[in-house]
Every structure is written in C-alpha cells, then in structure tokens.
C-alpha cells in the first residue's frame, strides 16, 4: 500500500479528528501537530507486524458558515 488518506475534521472545541478512508483507523488530538503525531502512532500500531505505507495524506475538511444579517 503506497498511501493512506485520512479525512480530518476540526471539532467545535478546536480539536481534530482523523479517520482513514480505507482502513479502520481513527484518532484525534487537540492541536494539528499533535494530530500528525497521533496519526503516525495509529498507523504504526495498525501495521505493527507489516510494512507501513509509504505516505499518509491528511485531507482537512473545513465547514464554514457565513451569516449575512
């Protein structure tokens, strides 16, 4: 497997959740740098007895509502 893709959403409290689109890997963290480390740790744990993918893509989904009043 060359690359894993994680869909990342920012929570209302400012934290982040990351979910792999192809495997059952999920993690979360309070800050972006913490999330990056958490994703690395989760991927290594999932592939503990196999070779890890060459790369991981973090795809940030941002939902923003603009009010006109």
Protein backbone atom coordinates (compact mmCIF):
# COMPACT_ATOMS: atom_id res chain seq x y z
CA UNK A 1 0.00 0.00 0.00
CA UNK A 2 1.61 3.23 -1.14
CA UNK A 3 -0.58 5.83 0.57
CA UNK A 4 -3.31 6.12 3.18
CA UNK A 5 -5.76 9.01 3.11
CA UNK A 6 -7.27 10.38 6.29
CA UNK A 7 -10.28 12.69 6.32
CA UNK A 8 -9.66 15.28 9.03
CA UNK A 9 -12.39 17.39 10.57
CA UNK A 10 -11.99 20.22 13.03
CA UNK A 11 -14.28 19.95 16.02
CA UNK A 12 -16.21 22.85 17.52
CA UNK A 13 -13.86 22.86 20.52
CA UNK A 14 -10.87 23.33 18.22
CA UNK A 15 -9.61 19.75 18.30
CA UNK A 16 -9.20 17.47 15.28
CA UNK A 17 -10.50 14.02 14.34
CA UNK A 18 -8.84 11.91 11.64
CA UNK A 19 -10.41 8.85 10.02
CA UNK A 20 -8.75 6.67 7.41
CA UNK A 21 -10.92 6.28 4.31
CA UNK A 22 -9.85 2.70 3.53
CA UNK A 23 -8.97 1.07 6.87
CA UNK A 24 -10.40 1.08 10.38
CA UNK A 25 -8.02 3.68 11.81
CA UNK A 26 -9.33 6.65 13.79
CA UNK A 27 -7.58 9.12 16.06
CA UNK A 28 -8.00 12.59 17.50
CA UNK A 29 -5.95 15.37 19.08
CA UNK A 30 -6.25 18.90 20.42
CA UNK A 31 -3.75 20.54 18.02
CA UNK A 32 -2.63 19.95 14.43
CA UNK A 33 0.93 18.90 15.36
CA UNK A 34 -0.46 16.51 17.97
CA UNK A 35 -2.80 15.05 15.36
CA UNK A 36 0.08 14.42 12.96
CA UNK A 37 1.93 12.51 15.68
CA UNK A 38 -1.23 10.65 16.68
CA UNK A 39 -1.90 9.56 13.09
CA UNK A 40 1.67 8.26 12.78
CA UNK A 41 1.30 6.33 16.02
CA UNK A 42 -2.10 4.89 14.99
CA UNK A 43 -0.78 3.79 11.59
CA UNK A 44 2.28 2.14 13.14
CA UNK A 45 0.03 0.34 15.64
CA UNK A 46 -2.33 -0.87 12.89
CA UNK A 47 0.58 -2.19 10.82
CA UNK A 48 2.57 -3.45 13.83
CA UNK A 49 3.53 -6.71 12.09
CA UNK A 50 3.62 -5.39 8.49
CA UNK A 51 5.35 -2.72 6.47
CA UNK A 52 3.76 0.70 6.94
CA UNK A 53 2.51 2.64 3.89
CA UNK A 54 4.97 4.94 2.14
CA UNK A 55 2.92 8.04 2.95
CA UNK A 56 -0.17 9.33 4.70
CA UNK A 57 -2.30 12.16 3.34
CA UNK A 58 -4.28 14.31 5.78
CA UNK A 59 -7.26 15.82 3.96
CA UNK A 60 -8.71 18.63 6.08
CA UNK A 61 -12.45 19.18 5.67
CA UNK A 62 -13.49 22.65 6.74
CA UNK A 63 -17.13 23.59 7.02
CA UNK A 64 -17.64 27.31 7.45
CA UNK A 65 -20.96 29.15 7.58
CA UNK A 66 -21.09 32.84 6.70
CA UNK A 67 -24.11 34.74 8.01
CA UNK A 68 -25.43 37.84 6.22
CA UNK A 69 -27.55 39.87 8.61
